Amino acid sequence: MSIFWVSILVGIVAGYLAKRVRGEGPYGLPGDLVVGALGALLAGWIFPGVAGLNVGSIVVASVGAVVLLWGLRVLTRNPMTPETAGKLKFGVWALIGGAISATIVGFAWGGWATAGTTRQRAEDAVLATRAAICVAQFMKDPSHQARLKELADTSSWERATYIEKGGWDRMPGEERASYTVSRACADGLEVLVKK
């Protein structure tokens, strides 16, 4: 179970316990449960060092849920005037709009990336590095000029197999490299073949 679901579960329990201890809040039991879950998630976001399914994460989530529930009840203890409710509604919409704007700017121009994008960029960088090492190993071969001519005479779809047979695509300690490294190496050598 991930820390996200632990926070949600702890927040729901804290919302239920707050209802039992202090009575129902201004939005009823469903409101208490949702506010408790949001408080737990907020606390987990503020204190990210306490991660995993452990006592520390449960305590942080519980404290966050209780604090948010308490704050909401303090704010709504006295009945709100329509003017205050309008200002609060306007403020909440402004907060949501600001969060959306910050997210758009962050991903579009701020350099933010999702985990999947970061992983793909890292894999592409490793592939490019391995292909460069493969090209360097090919060029270290004493008969690399003759090999380049053989590579030029080989059809483009068989060049990766030619690289695999020569063993230039393997890194030290590897028995066999992947086809993607051989293909990238063949593409890199194609520039030298055309010279």
N, C-alpha and C. Protein backbone atom coordinates (compact mmCIF):
# COMPACT_ATOMS: atom_id res chain seq x y z
N MET A 1 0.86 -1.18 0.00
CA MET A 1 0.00 0.00 0.00
C MET A 1 0.90 1.23 0.00
N SER A 2 0.62 2.17 -0.90
CA SER A 2 1.46 3.35 -1.01
C SER A 2 1.11 4.36 0.07
N ILE A 3 2.01 5.33 0.26
CA ILE A 3 1.82 6.35 1.27
C ILE A 3 0.59 7.21 0.95
N PHE A 4 0.27 7.35 -0.34
CA PHE A 4 -0.92 8.11 -0.73
C PHE A 4 -2.17 7.49 -0.13
N TRP A 5 -2.31 6.20 -0.30
CA TRP A 5 -3.52 5.52 0.21
C TRP A 5 -3.52 5.45 1.73
N VAL A 6 -2.34 5.34 2.31
CA VAL A 6 -2.26 5.37 3.78
C VAL A 6 -2.75 6.72 4.29
N SER A 7 -2.32 7.80 3.64
CA SER A 7 -2.76 9.14 4.05
C SER A 7 -4.26 9.29 3.90
N ILE A 8 -4.81 8.81 2.80
CA ILE A 8 -6.25 8.90 2.60
C ILE A 8 -6.99 8.14 3.70
N LEU A 9 -6.53 6.93 3.97
CA LEU A 9 -7.18 6.10 4.99
C LEU A 9 -7.08 6.72 6.37
N VAL A 10 -5.90 7.20 6.73
CA VAL A 10 -5.72 7.84 8.03
C VAL A 10 -6.57 9.10 8.13
N GLY A 11 -6.64 9.88 7.04
CA GLY A 11 -7.45 11.08 7.04
C GLY A 11 -8.93 10.79 7.22
N ILE A 12 -9.41 9.74 6.58
CA ILE A 12 -10.81 9.36 6.74
C ILE A 12 -11.09 8.94 8.18
N VAL A 13 -10.18 8.16 8.75
CA VAL A 13 -10.35 7.75 10.16
C VAL A 13 -10.32 8.97 11.07
N ALA A 14 -9.40 9.91 10.81
CA ALA A 14 -9.33 11.12 11.63
C ALA A 14 -10.60 11.94 11.49
N GLY A 15 -11.15 12.02 10.29
CA GLY A 15 -12.41 12.73 10.09
C GLY A 15 -13.55 12.09 10.85
N TYR A 16 -13.58 10.76 10.84
CA TYR A 16 -14.63 10.06 11.59
C TYR A 16 -14.47 10.27 13.09
N LEU A 17 -13.23 10.18 13.57
CA LEU A 17 -13.00 10.38 15.01
C LEU A 17 -13.32 11.81 15.43
N ALA A 18 -13.03 12.79 14.57
CA ALA A 18 -13.36 14.17 14.89
C ALA A 18 -14.87 14.34 15.01
N LYS A 19 -15.61 13.66 14.17
CA LYS A 19 -17.07 13.71 14.27
C LYS A 19 -17.55 13.11 15.58
N ARG A 20 -16.93 11.99 15.98
CA ARG A 20 -17.33 11.31 17.22
C ARG A 20 -16.96 12.15 18.45
N VAL A 21 -15.81 12.82 18.42
CA VAL A 21 -15.35 13.56 19.59
C VAL A 21 -16.01 14.93 19.69
N ARG A 22 -16.05 15.68 18.60
CA ARG A 22 -16.51 17.06 18.66
C ARG A 22 -17.87 17.27 18.05
N GLY A 23 -18.49 16.23 17.56
CA GLY A 23 -19.79 16.40 16.91
C GLY A 23 -19.58 16.64 15.42
N GLU A 24 -20.67 16.63 14.72
CA GLU A 24 -20.61 16.76 13.28
C GLU A 24 -20.18 18.16 12.88
N GLY A 25 -19.34 18.24 11.88
CA GLY A 25 -18.86 19.52 11.40
C GLY A 25 -19.90 20.20 10.51
N PRO A 26 -19.54 21.35 9.94
CA PRO A 26 -20.50 22.13 9.16
C PRO A 26 -20.95 21.45 7.87
N TYR A 27 -20.18 20.49 7.38
CA TYR A 27 -20.54 19.83 6.13
C TYR A 27 -20.95 18.37 6.34
N GLY A 28 -21.22 17.98 7.56
CA GLY A 28 -21.65 16.62 7.84
C GLY A 28 -20.51 15.63 7.83
N LEU A 29 -20.85 14.37 7.99
CA LEU A 29 -19.85 13.31 8.03
C LEU A 29 -19.06 13.22 6.72
N PRO A 30 -19.70 13.26 5.54
CA PRO A 30 -18.88 13.21 4.30
C PRO A 30 -17.88 14.36 4.22
N GLY A 31 -18.29 15.55 4.64
CA GLY A 31 -17.37 16.68 4.65
C GLY A 31 -16.21 16.46 5.58
N ASP A 32 -16.47 15.92 6.79
CA ASP A 32 -15.40 15.63 7.74
C ASP A 32 -14.42 14.60 7.17
N LEU A 33 -14.95 13.59 6.48
CA LEU A 33 -14.08 12.56 5.91
C LEU A 33 -13.19 13.14 4.81
N VAL A 34 -13.78 13.98 3.95
CA VAL A 34 -13.01 14.57 2.85
C VAL A 34 -11.96 15.55 3.40
N VAL A 35 -12.36 16.38 4.35
CA VAL A 35 -11.42 17.35 4.92
C VAL A 35 -10.29 16.62 5.66
N GLY A 36 -10.62 15.54 6.35
CA GLY A 36 -9.58 14.75 7.02
C GLY A 36 -8.60 14.16 6.04
N ALA A 37 -9.10 13.63 4.92
CA ALA A 37 -8.21 13.05 3.89
C ALA A 37 -7.34 14.14 3.27
N LEU A 38 -7.92 15.31 2.99
CA LEU A 38 -7.13 16.41 2.43
C LEU A 38 -6.06 16.88 3.40
N GLY A 39 -6.41 16.96 4.68
CA GLY A 39 -5.42 17.35 5.68
C GLY A 39 -4.27 16.38 5.77
N ALA A 40 -4.58 15.09 5.68
CA ALA A 40 -3.53 14.06 5.73
C ALA A 40 -2.62 14.17 4.51
N LEU A 41 -3.21 14.40 3.32
CA LEU A 41 -2.39 14.54 2.12
C LEU A 41 -1.54 15.80 2.17
N LEU A 42 -2.11 16.88 2.67
CA LEU A 42 -1.37 18.13 2.80
C LEU A 42 -0.18 17.97 3.75
N ALA A 43 -0.40 17.29 4.86
CA ALA A 43 0.70 17.07 5.81
C ALA A 43 1.79 16.20 5.18
N GLY A 44 1.39 15.19 4.42
CA GLY A 44 2.37 14.34 3.74
C GLY A 44 3.17 15.11 2.71
N TRP A 45 2.53 16.11 2.08
CA TRP A 45 3.22 16.93 1.10
C TRP A 45 4.17 17.92 1.79
N ILE A 46 3.78 18.45 2.92
CA ILE A 46 4.62 19.40 3.65
C ILE A 46 5.84 18.69 4.26
N PHE A 47 5.63 17.48 4.76
CA PHE A 47 6.71 16.70 5.38
C PHE A 47 7.00 15.45 4.55
N PRO A 48 7.66 15.58 3.39
CA PRO A 48 7.88 14.42 2.53
C PRO A 48 8.93 13.45 3.06
N GLY A 49 9.70 13.85 4.04
CA GLY A 49 10.75 12.97 4.56
C GLY A 49 10.20 11.76 5.27
N VAL A 50 8.97 11.85 5.73
CA VAL A 50 8.34 10.71 6.43
C VAL A 50 7.55 9.96 5.38
N ALA A 51 8.19 8.99 4.74
CA ALA A 51 7.55 8.25 3.66
C ALA A 51 7.48 6.78 4.00
N GLY A 52 6.61 6.09 3.33
CA GLY A 52 6.46 4.66 3.54
C GLY A 52 5.38 4.37 4.56
N LEU A 53 5.08 3.12 4.67
CA LEU A 53 4.06 2.70 5.62
C LEU A 53 4.73 2.45 6.97
N ASN A 54 4.75 3.50 7.80
CA ASN A 54 5.36 3.38 9.11
C ASN A 54 4.62 4.27 10.10
N VAL A 55 5.02 4.22 11.34
CA VAL A 55 4.34 4.99 12.39
C VAL A 55 4.48 6.49 12.13
N GLY A 56 5.64 6.94 11.66
CA GLY A 56 5.85 8.35 11.41
C GLY A 56 4.88 8.91 10.38
N SER A 57 4.67 8.17 9.28
CA SER A 57 3.75 8.66 8.25
C SER A 57 2.31 8.68 8.75
N ILE A 58 1.96 7.73 9.58
CA ILE A 58 0.60 7.70 10.14
C ILE A 58 0.41 8.88 11.10
N VAL A 59 1.42 9.18 11.91
CA VAL A 59 1.33 10.30 12.85
C VAL A 59 1.22 11.62 12.08
N VAL A 60 2.05 11.81 11.04
CA VAL A 60 2.01 13.04 10.25
C VAL A 60 0.65 13.19 9.58
N ALA A 61 0.12 12.11 9.00
CA ALA A 61 -1.18 12.18 8.35
C ALA A 61 -2.28 12.49 9.37
N SER A 62 -2.20 11.89 10.53
CA SER A 62 -3.21 12.14 11.57
C SER A 62 -3.18 13.59 12.03
N VAL A 63 -2.00 14.10 12.28
CA VAL A 63 -1.88 15.49 12.73
C VAL A 63 -2.39 16.44 11.65
N GLY A 64 -2.04 16.18 10.41
CA GLY A 64 -2.52 17.03 9.31
C GLY A 64 -4.03 17.02 9.19
N ALA A 65 -4.63 15.85 9.33
CA ALA A 65 -6.09 15.75 9.25
C ALA A 65 -6.76 16.48 10.40
N VAL A 66 -6.25 16.30 11.61
CA VAL A 66 -6.85 16.95 12.79
C VAL A 66 -6.70 18.46 12.70
N VAL A 67 -5.53 18.95 12.27
CA VAL A 67 -5.31 20.39 12.18
C VAL A 67 -6.24 21.02 11.14
N LEU A 68 -6.37 20.39 9.99
CA LEU A 68 -7.25 20.95 8.97
C LEU A 68 -8.72 20.91 9.41
N LEU A 69 -9.11 19.82 10.04
CA LEU A 69 -10.49 19.75 10.56
C LEU A 69 -10.73 20.83 11.61
N TRP A 70 -9.78 21.01 12.51
CA TRP A 70 -9.92 22.03 13.56
C TRP A 70 -10.00 23.42 12.93
N GLY A 71 -9.12 23.68 11.94
CA GLY A 71 -9.13 24.99 11.29
C GLY A 71 -10.44 25.27 10.58
N LEU A 72 -10.98 24.27 9.90
CA LEU A 72 -12.26 24.45 9.22
C LEU A 72 -13.38 24.73 10.22
N ARG A 73 -13.36 24.03 11.33
CA ARG A 73 -14.41 24.24 12.33
C ARG A 73 -14.29 25.61 12.99
N VAL A 74 -13.06 26.07 13.19
CA VAL A 74 -12.89 27.42 13.77
C VAL A 74 -13.40 28.47 12.79
N LEU A 75 -13.10 28.30 11.52
CA LEU A 75 -13.54 29.27 10.52
C LEU A 75 -15.05 29.28 10.34
N THR A 76 -15.68 28.15 10.54
CA THR A 76 -17.13 28.06 10.30
C THR A 76 -17.93 28.00 11.59
N ARG A 77 -17.32 28.35 12.72
CA ARG A 77 -18.03 28.29 14.01
C ARG A 77 -19.21 29.26 14.01
N ASN A 78 -18.97 30.47 13.60
CA ASN A 78 -20.04 31.46 13.52
C ASN A 78 -20.63 31.40 12.11
N PRO A 79 -21.92 31.58 11.99
CA PRO A 79 -22.51 31.55 10.65
C PRO A 79 -21.90 32.65 9.78
N MET A 80 -21.64 32.31 8.55
CA MET A 80 -21.02 33.26 7.63
C MET A 80 -22.09 34.16 7.03
N THR A 81 -21.70 35.39 6.85
CA THR A 81 -22.57 36.32 6.15
C THR A 81 -22.44 36.03 4.65
N PRO A 82 -23.43 36.39 3.87
CA PRO A 82 -23.32 36.15 2.43
C PRO A 82 -22.09 36.84 1.81
N GLU A 83 -21.74 37.99 2.37
CA GLU A 83 -20.57 38.71 1.85
C GLU A 83 -19.29 37.92 2.11
N THR A 84 -19.15 37.38 3.32
CA THR A 84 -17.97 36.57 3.66
C THR A 84 -17.93 35.30 2.83
N ALA A 85 -19.09 34.67 2.64
CA ALA A 85 -19.15 33.45 1.83
C ALA A 85 -18.74 33.75 0.39
N GLY A 86 -19.14 34.90 -0.14
CA GLY A 86 -18.76 35.28 -1.50
C GLY A 86 -17.27 35.51 -1.61
N LYS A 87 -16.69 36.18 -0.61
CA LYS A 87 -15.25 36.42 -0.62
C LYS A 87 -14.48 35.10 -0.52
N LEU A 88 -14.98 34.21 0.34
CA LEU A 88 -14.32 32.91 0.49
C LEU A 88 -14.38 32.13 -0.81
N LYS A 89 -15.54 32.14 -1.45
CA LYS A 89 -15.70 31.44 -2.73
C LYS A 89 -14.76 32.04 -3.77
N PHE A 90 -14.70 33.37 -3.85
CA PHE A 90 -13.80 34.04 -4.79
C PHE A 90 -12.35 33.67 -4.50
N GLY A 91 -11.97 33.62 -3.23
CA GLY A 91 -10.60 33.27 -2.86
C GLY A 91 -10.25 31.84 -3.23
N VAL A 92 -11.20 30.93 -3.03
CA VAL A 92 -10.95 29.53 -3.38
C VAL A 92 -10.76 29.39 -4.88
N TRP A 93 -11.61 30.06 -5.68
CA TRP A 93 -11.46 29.99 -7.13
C TRP A 93 -10.15 30.62 -7.58
N ALA A 94 -9.73 31.68 -6.93
CA ALA A 94 -8.44 32.30 -7.26
C ALA A 94 -7.29 31.35 -6.94
N LEU A 95 -7.40 30.65 -5.82
CA LEU A 95 -6.37 29.67 -5.45
C LEU A 95 -6.30 28.54 -6.46
N ILE A 96 -7.45 28.04 -6.88
CA ILE A 96 -7.48 26.96 -7.87
C ILE A 96 -6.90 27.45 -9.20
N GLY A 97 -7.30 28.66 -9.62
CA GLY A 97 -6.77 29.22 -10.87
C GLY A 97 -5.27 29.42 -10.81
N GLY A 98 -4.77 29.88 -9.67
CA GLY A 98 -3.33 30.06 -9.50
C GLY A 98 -2.58 28.74 -9.57
N ALA A 99 -3.15 27.71 -8.96
CA ALA A 99 -2.51 26.39 -8.99
C ALA A 99 -2.46 25.83 -10.41
N ILE A 100 -3.56 26.00 -11.14
CA ILE A 100 -3.58 25.53 -12.53
C ILE A 100 -2.58 26.30 -13.37
N SER A 101 -2.54 27.63 -13.20
CA SER A 101 -1.59 28.45 -13.96
C SER A 101 -0.15 28.07 -13.65
N ALA A 102 0.15 27.88 -12.37
CA ALA A 102 1.51 27.50 -11.98
C ALA A 102 1.89 26.15 -12.58
N THR A 103 0.94 25.23 -12.62
CA THR A 103 1.22 23.91 -13.20
C THR A 103 1.49 24.02 -14.69
N ILE A 104 0.67 24.79 -15.38
CA ILE A 104 0.87 24.95 -16.83
C ILE A 104 2.22 25.60 -17.12
N VAL A 105 2.53 26.69 -16.42
CA VAL A 105 3.81 27.38 -16.63
C VAL A 105 4.97 26.46 -16.26
N GLY A 106 4.84 25.72 -15.17
CA GLY A 106 5.92 24.83 -14.74
C GLY A 106 6.23 23.75 -15.76
N PHE A 107 5.18 23.11 -16.30
CA PHE A 107 5.42 22.03 -17.27
C PHE A 107 5.80 22.58 -18.64
N ALA A 108 5.24 23.73 -19.02
CA ALA A 108 5.53 24.26 -20.36
C ALA A 108 6.90 24.94 -20.43
N TRP A 109 7.24 25.78 -19.44
CA TRP A 109 8.47 26.56 -19.52
C TRP A 109 9.41 26.38 -18.34
N GLY A 110 8.93 25.79 -17.26
CA GLY A 110 9.75 25.70 -16.05
C GLY A 110 10.65 24.49 -15.98
N GLY A 111 10.53 23.58 -16.93
CA GLY A 111 11.40 22.41 -16.91
C GLY A 111 10.87 21.26 -16.07
N TRP A 112 9.63 21.35 -15.61
CA TRP A 112 9.06 20.24 -14.85
C TRP A 112 8.83 19.08 -15.79
N ALA A 113 8.91 17.88 -15.27
CA ALA A 113 8.68 16.69 -16.08
C ALA A 113 8.05 15.62 -15.20
N THR A 114 7.26 14.77 -15.83
CA THR A 114 6.68 13.66 -15.10
C THR A 114 7.74 12.57 -14.93
N ALA A 115 7.45 11.62 -14.09
CA ALA A 115 8.40 10.53 -13.86
C ALA A 115 8.64 9.73 -15.14
N GLY A 116 7.59 9.53 -15.93
CA GLY A 116 7.72 8.78 -17.18
C GLY A 116 8.62 9.50 -18.18
N THR A 117 8.46 10.81 -18.28
CA THR A 117 9.30 11.60 -19.19
C THR A 117 10.75 11.58 -18.73
N THR A 118 10.96 11.71 -17.43
CA THR A 118 12.32 11.69 -16.89
C THR A 118 12.98 10.34 -17.15
N ARG A 119 12.23 9.28 -16.93
CA ARG A 119 12.76 7.93 -17.16
C ARG A 119 13.13 7.75 -18.63
N GLN A 120 12.26 8.23 -19.55
CA GLN A 120 12.53 8.10 -20.98
C GLN A 120 13.76 8.90 -21.38
N ARG A 121 13.91 10.09 -20.83
CA ARG A 121 15.09 10.91 -21.13
C ARG A 121 16.36 10.23 -20.64
N ALA A 122 16.30 9.62 -19.47
CA ALA A 122 17.48 8.92 -18.94
C ALA A 122 17.83 7.72 -19.81
N GLU A 123 16.81 6.97 -20.25
CA GLU A 123 17.07 5.81 -21.11
C GLU A 123 17.66 6.25 -22.45
N ASP A 124 17.16 7.37 -23.00
CA ASP A 124 17.70 7.89 -24.26
C ASP A 124 19.16 8.33 -24.10
N ALA A 125 19.46 8.95 -22.95
CA ALA A 125 20.84 9.39 -22.70
C ALA A 125 21.78 8.20 -22.57
N VAL A 126 21.34 7.15 -21.88
CA VAL A 126 22.16 5.94 -21.74
C VAL A 126 22.38 5.30 -23.11
N LEU A 127 21.32 5.24 -23.92
CA LEU A 127 21.44 4.66 -25.26
C LEU A 127 22.43 5.46 -26.11
N ALA A 128 22.34 6.79 -26.05
CA ALA A 128 23.26 7.62 -26.83
C ALA A 128 24.70 7.42 -26.37
N THR A 129 24.90 7.29 -25.08
CA THR A 129 26.24 7.08 -24.55
C THR A 129 26.79 5.73 -24.99
N ARG A 130 25.96 4.71 -24.89
CA ARG A 130 26.40 3.37 -25.29
C ARG A 130 26.68 3.32 -26.80
N ALA A 131 25.87 4.03 -27.59
CA ALA A 131 26.11 4.06 -29.03
C ALA A 131 27.44 4.77 -29.34
N ALA A 132 27.73 5.84 -28.60
CA ALA A 132 29.01 6.54 -28.81
C ALA A 132 30.19 5.64 -28.44
N ILE A 133 30.05 4.87 -27.37
CA ILE A 133 31.12 3.94 -26.98
C ILE A 133 31.28 2.86 -28.05
N CYS A 134 30.17 2.40 -28.60
CA CYS A 134 30.21 1.39 -29.67
C CYS A 134 30.96 1.93 -30.89
N VAL A 135 30.65 3.16 -31.28
CA VAL A 135 31.34 3.77 -32.42
C VAL A 135 32.84 3.90 -32.13
N ALA A 136 33.17 4.30 -30.91
CA ALA A 136 34.59 4.44 -30.53
C ALA A 136 35.30 3.08 -30.57
N GLN A 137 34.63 2.03 -30.10
CA GLN A 137 35.23 0.69 -30.14
C GLN A 137 35.41 0.22 -31.58
N PHE A 138 34.46 0.55 -32.43
CA PHE A 138 34.57 0.19 -33.84
C PHE A 138 35.77 0.90 -34.47
N MET A 139 35.92 2.18 -34.15
CA MET A 139 37.01 2.96 -34.75
C MET A 139 38.38 2.58 -34.18
N LYS A 140 38.42 1.94 -32.99
CA LYS A 140 39.70 1.50 -32.42
C LYS A 140 40.23 0.25 -33.13
N ASP A 141 39.36 -0.46 -33.82
CA ASP A 141 39.77 -1.66 -34.52
C ASP A 141 40.83 -1.28 -35.56
N PRO A 142 41.97 -1.99 -35.58
CA PRO A 142 43.04 -1.62 -36.52
C PRO A 142 42.59 -1.63 -37.98
N SER A 143 41.64 -2.46 -38.30
CA SER A 143 41.18 -2.54 -39.70
C SER A 143 39.83 -1.84 -39.87
N HIS A 144 39.67 -0.72 -39.18
CA HIS A 144 38.35 -0.07 -39.20
C HIS A 144 37.99 0.49 -40.58
N GLN A 145 38.99 0.87 -41.39
CA GLN A 145 38.68 1.38 -42.74
C GLN A 145 38.05 0.28 -43.60
N ALA A 146 38.64 -0.91 -43.53
CA ALA A 146 38.09 -2.04 -44.29
C ALA A 146 36.71 -2.41 -43.75
N ARG A 147 36.55 -2.35 -42.44
CA ARG A 147 35.26 -2.66 -41.83
C ARG A 147 34.19 -1.64 -42.23
N LEU A 148 34.60 -0.37 -42.34
CA LEU A 148 33.64 0.65 -42.79
C LEU A 148 33.17 0.37 -44.22
N LYS A 149 34.08 -0.09 -45.07
CA LYS A 149 33.68 -0.44 -46.44
C LYS A 149 32.74 -1.64 -46.44
N GLU A 150 33.03 -2.63 -45.59
CA GLU A 150 32.13 -3.78 -45.48
C GLU A 150 30.75 -3.33 -44.99
N LEU A 151 30.75 -2.41 -44.02
CA LEU A 151 29.49 -1.90 -43.47
C LEU A 151 28.72 -1.13 -44.55
N ALA A 152 29.44 -0.40 -45.40
CA ALA A 152 28.78 0.34 -46.47
C ALA A 152 28.14 -0.60 -47.48
N ASP A 153 28.79 -1.76 -47.72
CA ASP A 153 28.25 -2.73 -48.67
C ASP A 153 27.09 -3.53 -48.08
N THR A 154 26.94 -3.50 -46.77
CA THR A 154 25.85 -4.22 -46.11
C THR A 154 24.56 -3.40 -46.22
N SER A 155 23.46 -4.09 -46.40
CA SER A 155 22.19 -3.36 -46.49
C SER A 155 21.88 -2.71 -45.14
N SER A 156 21.12 -1.62 -45.18
CA SER A 156 20.89 -0.82 -43.98
C SER A 156 20.19 -1.61 -42.87
N TRP A 157 19.32 -2.54 -43.19
CA TRP A 157 18.63 -3.29 -42.15
C TRP A 157 19.46 -4.43 -41.57
N GLU A 158 20.60 -4.74 -42.20
CA GLU A 158 21.48 -5.79 -41.68
C GLU A 158 22.70 -5.22 -40.95
N ARG A 159 22.83 -3.90 -40.92
CA ARG A 159 24.01 -3.29 -40.30
C ARG A 159 24.05 -3.54 -38.79
N ALA A 160 22.89 -3.53 -38.13
CA ALA A 160 22.87 -3.80 -36.69
C ALA A 160 23.38 -5.21 -36.41
N THR A 161 23.02 -6.16 -37.25
CA THR A 161 23.50 -7.54 -37.09
C THR A 161 25.00 -7.60 -37.31
N TYR A 162 25.51 -6.85 -38.26
CA TYR A 162 26.95 -6.79 -38.53
C TYR A 162 27.69 -6.25 -37.29
N ILE A 163 27.13 -5.22 -36.66
CA ILE A 163 27.74 -4.65 -35.45
C ILE A 163 27.72 -5.70 -34.32
N GLU A 164 26.60 -6.41 -34.18
CA GLU A 164 26.50 -7.44 -33.13
C GLU A 164 27.54 -8.54 -33.34
N LYS A 165 27.70 -8.98 -34.58
CA LYS A 165 28.67 -10.04 -34.87
C LYS A 165 30.10 -9.58 -34.56
N GLY A 166 30.39 -8.31 -34.81
CA GLY A 166 31.72 -7.77 -34.52
C GLY A 166 31.96 -7.59 -33.03
N GLY A 167 30.91 -7.49 -32.24
CA GLY A 167 31.04 -7.36 -30.80
C GLY A 167 31.32 -5.95 -30.31
N TRP A 168 31.21 -4.95 -31.19
CA TRP A 168 31.53 -3.58 -30.79
C TRP A 168 30.45 -2.97 -29.90
N ASP A 169 29.26 -3.54 -29.95
CA ASP A 169 28.14 -2.97 -29.18
C ASP A 169 28.13 -3.43 -27.73
N ARG A 170 28.99 -4.39 -27.39
CA ARG A 170 29.02 -4.90 -26.00
C ARG A 170 29.90 -4.01 -25.13
N MET A 171 29.39 -3.74 -23.95
CA MET A 171 30.18 -3.00 -22.97
C MET A 171 31.05 -4.00 -22.22
N PRO A 172 32.13 -3.56 -21.59
CA PRO A 172 32.98 -4.49 -20.84
C PRO A 172 32.16 -5.27 -19.81
N GLY A 173 32.32 -6.58 -19.82
CA GLY A 173 31.62 -7.44 -18.87
C GLY A 173 30.29 -7.97 -19.40
N GLU A 174 29.85 -7.49 -20.55
CA GLU A 174 28.59 -7.97 -21.12
C GLU A 174 28.85 -9.09 -22.10
N GLU A 175 27.96 -10.07 -22.09
CA GLU A 175 28.07 -11.14 -23.07
C GLU A 175 27.35 -10.77 -24.36
N ARG A 176 26.24 -10.03 -24.21
CA ARG A 176 25.45 -9.67 -25.37
C ARG A 176 24.79 -8.31 -25.13
N ALA A 177 24.82 -7.45 -26.12
CA ALA A 177 24.18 -6.14 -26.00
C ALA A 177 22.79 -6.21 -26.61
N SER A 178 22.01 -5.18 -26.38
CA SER A 178 20.66 -5.16 -26.92
C SER A 178 20.68 -4.69 -28.38
N TYR A 179 19.61 -5.03 -29.07
CA TYR A 179 19.50 -4.65 -30.48
C TYR A 179 19.45 -3.14 -30.64
N THR A 180 18.84 -2.44 -29.69
CA THR A 180 18.73 -0.98 -29.81
C THR A 180 20.10 -0.31 -29.80
N VAL A 181 21.04 -0.86 -29.03
CA VAL A 181 22.40 -0.31 -29.01
C VAL A 181 23.06 -0.57 -30.36
N SER A 182 22.89 -1.77 -30.90
CA SER A 182 23.48 -2.10 -32.21
C SER A 182 22.89 -1.20 -33.29
N ARG A 183 21.59 -0.96 -33.24
CA ARG A 183 20.93 -0.12 -34.24
C ARG A 183 21.42 1.33 -34.14
N ALA A 184 21.51 1.84 -32.90
CA ALA A 184 22.00 3.21 -32.70
C ALA A 184 23.46 3.34 -33.14
N CYS A 185 24.26 2.32 -32.87
CA CYS A 185 25.66 2.33 -33.28
C CYS A 185 25.77 2.32 -34.81
N ALA A 186 24.95 1.50 -35.45
CA ALA A 186 24.95 1.45 -36.93
C ALA A 186 24.54 2.80 -37.50
N ASP A 187 23.56 3.46 -36.88
CA ASP A 187 23.16 4.79 -37.33
C ASP A 187 24.28 5.79 -37.16
N GLY A 188 25.03 5.69 -36.06
CA GLY A 188 26.16 6.58 -35.84
C GLY A 188 27.29 6.33 -36.83
N LEU A 189 27.52 5.08 -37.16
CA LEU A 189 28.58 4.75 -38.14
C LEU A 189 28.19 5.10 -39.56
N GLU A 190 26.89 5.23 -39.80
CA GLU A 190 26.42 5.56 -41.15
C GLU A 190 26.97 6.93 -41.59
N VAL A 191 27.13 7.83 -40.63
CA VAL A 191 27.71 9.14 -40.95
C VAL A 191 29.14 8.97 -41.45
N LEU A 192 29.89 8.07 -40.83
CA LEU A 192 31.28 7.83 -41.25
C LEU A 192 31.32 7.08 -42.58
N VAL A 193 30.34 6.24 -42.83
CA VAL A 193 30.31 5.48 -44.08
C VAL A 193 30.11 6.42 -45.26
N LYS A 194 29.31 7.47 -45.06
CA LYS A 194 29.01 8.41 -46.16
C LYS A 194 30.18 9.33 -46.47
N LYS A 195 31.14 9.44 -45.59
CA LYS A 195 32.30 10.34 -45.82
C LYS A 195 33.23 9.80 -46.88
